[in-house]
């Protein structure tokens, strides 16, 4: 009976270890890319549309409305991508938890940056064109700064398995 107890404990640990592991690197990379590819396309589409509308906007009020719509759409799209990346789980690689958390945190920071930009543009008075333009420039400077702060430090998240998975997964190419 005593001999079986250590064996049973090892079997239980092995089974629990298998259950605790997340998706393999390739599966995780494919899930992440499946979340990020449409997000990037949506941001490109929103930006292009905003540029077209900016050129056609007859006044500051219309430009303001267009920018608020752009940042709102970008915020919502980024949140959808963040939720999908979070749902991908933790990749079964060294530091997988840290890597997954960093991806999710980066998208949350980008989402929040778009929200701040939306709020910033909403707060600008659209009456005077110069005041509006200066206010938008300030909002965009803040947005760019928040983007820069949210970037992942890839030197801390280096994983050969994930790098290979991102290179090989069809969803990522």
Protein backbone atom coordinates (compact mmCIF):
# COMPACT_ATOMS: atom_id res chain seq x y z
CA UNK A 1 0.00 0.00 0.00
CA UNK A 2 2.80 2.42 0.89
CA UNK A 3 4.54 1.73 -2.44
CA UNK A 4 1.41 2.64 -4.36
CA UNK A 5 0.96 6.01 -2.65
CA UNK A 6 4.04 7.67 -4.25
CA UNK A 7 3.15 6.17 -7.63
CA UNK A 8 -0.42 7.42 -7.34
CA UNK A 9 0.87 10.87 -6.35
CA UNK A 10 3.18 10.99 -9.40
CA UNK A 11 0.38 9.92 -11.72
CA UNK A 12 -1.92 12.56 -10.22
CA UNK A 13 0.76 15.25 -10.61
CA UNK A 14 1.40 14.23 -14.21
CA UNK A 15 -2.31 14.39 -14.98
CA UNK A 16 -2.70 17.74 -13.24
CA UNK A 17 0.36 19.07 -15.03
CA UNK A 18 -1.18 18.10 -18.35
CA UNK A 19 -4.42 19.83 -17.46
CA UNK A 20 -2.65 22.98 -16.30
CA UNK A 21 -0.82 23.49 -19.59
CA UNK A 22 -2.28 25.96 -22.02
CA UNK A 23 -2.57 25.64 -25.75
CA UNK A 24 0.52 24.65 -27.71
CA UNK A 25 2.48 27.59 -29.15
CA UNK A 26 1.14 27.18 -32.69
CA UNK A 27 -2.49 27.04 -31.53
CA UNK A 28 -1.99 30.09 -29.31
CA UNK A 29 -0.25 32.06 -32.07
CA UNK A 30 -3.04 31.19 -34.51
CA UNK A 31 -5.66 32.37 -32.00
CA UNK A 32 -3.81 35.61 -31.36
CA UNK A 33 -3.33 36.30 -35.07
CA UNK A 34 -6.99 35.47 -35.71
CA UNK A 35 -7.84 38.19 -33.20
CA UNK A 36 -5.30 40.76 -34.38
CA UNK A 37 -5.66 40.46 -38.16
CA UNK A 38 -9.27 41.69 -38.35
CA UNK A 39 -8.48 44.30 -35.68
CA UNK A 40 -5.69 45.77 -37.80
CA UNK A 41 -7.94 45.72 -40.87
CA UNK A 42 -10.69 47.50 -38.93
CA UNK A 43 -8.27 50.17 -37.70
CA UNK A 44 -6.99 50.67 -41.26
CA UNK A 45 -10.56 51.00 -42.52
CA UNK A 46 -11.54 53.43 -39.76
CA UNK A 47 -8.43 55.54 -40.38
CA UNK A 48 -8.99 55.65 -44.14
CA UNK A 49 -12.63 56.59 -43.66
CA UNK A 50 -11.69 59.30 -41.14
CA UNK A 51 -9.14 60.76 -43.56
CA UNK A 52 -11.72 60.86 -46.35
CA UNK A 53 -14.26 62.46 -44.03
CA UNK A 54 -11.71 64.97 -42.73
CA UNK A 55 -11.10 66.19 -46.26
CA UNK A 56 -14.84 66.49 -46.87
CA UNK A 57 -15.81 67.96 -43.48
CA UNK A 58 -17.34 71.39 -44.06
CA UNK A 59 -16.64 72.62 -40.51
CA UNK A 60 -15.07 71.82 -37.16
CA UNK A 61 -18.29 70.38 -35.77
CA UNK A 62 -18.43 67.76 -38.52
CA UNK A 63 -14.71 67.02 -38.15
CA UNK A 64 -15.23 66.57 -34.41
CA UNK A 65 -18.10 64.15 -34.97
CA UNK A 66 -15.98 62.15 -37.43
CA UNK A 67 -13.03 61.96 -35.02
CA UNK A 68 -15.23 60.90 -32.11
CA UNK A 69 -16.69 58.16 -34.31
CA UNK A 70 -13.17 57.07 -35.37
CA UNK A 71 -11.86 56.82 -31.82
CA UNK A 72 -15.04 55.14 -30.57
CA UNK A 73 -14.80 52.52 -33.32
CA UNK A 74 -11.11 51.98 -32.64
CA UNK A 75 -11.76 51.63 -28.91
CA UNK A 76 -14.52 49.05 -29.46
CA UNK A 77 -12.50 47.12 -32.04
CA UNK A 78 -9.47 47.04 -29.76
CA UNK A 79 -11.56 45.76 -26.86
CA UNK A 80 -12.94 42.97 -29.07
CA UNK A 81 -9.38 41.99 -30.06
CA UNK A 82 -8.23 42.17 -26.42
CA UNK A 83 -11.05 39.87 -25.31
CA UNK A 84 -10.19 37.34 -28.04
CA UNK A 85 -6.49 37.38 -27.14
CA UNK A 86 -7.40 36.91 -23.49
CA UNK A 87 -9.68 34.00 -24.46
CA UNK A 88 -6.73 32.38 -26.27
CA UNK A 89 -5.41 31.53 -22.82
CA UNK A 90 -1.81 31.05 -21.80
CA UNK A 91 0.60 29.49 -24.29
CA UNK A 92 2.36 26.35 -23.12
CA UNK A 93 5.85 27.89 -23.21
CA UNK A 94 8.30 29.22 -20.65
CA UNK A 95 6.91 32.48 -19.22
CA UNK A 96 3.64 31.82 -21.06
CA UNK A 97 1.61 33.53 -18.37
CA UNK A 98 3.77 36.67 -18.57
CA UNK A 99 3.60 36.65 -22.37
CA UNK A 100 -0.18 36.29 -22.46
CA UNK A 101 -0.65 38.98 -19.80
CA UNK A 102 1.61 41.35 -21.74
CA UNK A 103 -0.38 40.91 -24.95
CA UNK A 104 -3.66 41.52 -23.11
CA UNK A 105 -2.25 44.49 -21.16
CA UNK A 106 -0.92 46.08 -24.34
CA UNK A 107 -4.30 45.83 -26.05
CA UNK A 108 -6.02 47.17 -22.92
CA UNK A 109 -3.65 50.15 -22.92
CA UNK A 110 -4.30 50.79 -26.63
CA UNK A 111 -8.06 50.51 -26.02
CA UNK A 112 -7.77 53.00 -23.18
CA UNK A 113 -5.66 55.34 -25.33
CA UNK A 114 -8.43 55.40 -27.94
CA UNK A 115 -10.96 56.06 -25.18
CA UNK A 116 -8.89 58.97 -23.88
CA UNK A 117 -8.60 60.34 -27.43
CA UNK A 118 -12.37 60.05 -27.88
CA UNK A 119 -12.96 61.86 -24.58
CA UNK A 120 -10.35 64.47 -25.47
CA UNK A 121 -11.94 65.27 -28.82
CA UNK A 122 -15.40 65.28 -27.25
CA UNK A 123 -14.22 67.93 -24.78
CA UNK A 124 -12.90 70.27 -27.50
CA UNK A 125 -15.14 73.15 -28.53
CA UNK A 126 -15.68 72.93 -32.27
CA UNK A 127 -16.56 76.60 -32.81
CA UNK A 128 -13.20 78.17 -33.65
CA UNK A 129 -11.24 76.25 -36.30
CA UNK A 130 -7.80 77.12 -34.88
CA UNK A 131 -8.76 76.24 -31.31
CA UNK A 132 -10.26 72.98 -32.54
CA UNK A 133 -7.20 72.16 -34.64
CA UNK A 134 -4.84 72.89 -31.73
CA UNK A 135 -6.99 70.75 -29.42
CA UNK A 136 -6.94 67.84 -31.87
CA UNK A 137 -3.15 68.15 -32.18
CA UNK A 138 -2.85 67.91 -28.39
CA UNK A 139 -5.13 64.86 -28.31
CA UNK A 140 -3.08 63.15 -31.04
CA UNK A 141 0.18 63.90 -29.21
CA UNK A 142 -1.27 62.31 -26.08
CA UNK A 143 -2.52 59.33 -28.09
CA UNK A 144 0.93 58.77 -29.60
CA UNK A 145 2.52 58.99 -26.15
CA UNK A 146 0.10 56.45 -24.73
CA UNK A 147 0.81 54.16 -27.69
CA UNK A 148 4.53 54.37 -27.01
CA UNK A 149 4.06 53.52 -23.33
CA UNK A 150 1.88 50.50 -24.15
CA UNK A 151 4.38 48.72 -26.40
CA UNK A 152 5.45 45.24 -25.34
CA UNK A 153 9.09 44.88 -24.34
CA UNK A 154 9.77 41.82 -26.49
CA UNK A 155 13.21 41.32 -24.97
CA UNK A 156 11.46 40.21 -21.78
CA UNK A 157 9.05 37.90 -23.59
CA UNK A 158 11.36 36.08 -25.94
CA UNK A 159 10.19 32.55 -26.74
CA UNK A 160 11.75 30.58 -29.56
CA UNK A 161 8.68 28.33 -29.71
CA UNK A 162 6.30 31.27 -30.05
CA UNK A 163 8.47 33.07 -32.58
CA UNK A 164 8.48 29.90 -34.69
CA UNK A 165 4.72 29.46 -34.19
CA UNK A 166 4.00 33.03 -35.32
CA UNK A 167 6.22 32.50 -38.36
CA UNK A 168 4.55 29.22 -39.32
CA UNK A 169 0.86 29.70 -38.47
CA UNK A 170 -1.09 30.50 -41.65
CA UNK A 171 -3.29 32.90 -39.66
CA UNK A 172 -0.21 35.02 -38.99
CA UNK A 173 0.98 35.35 -42.58
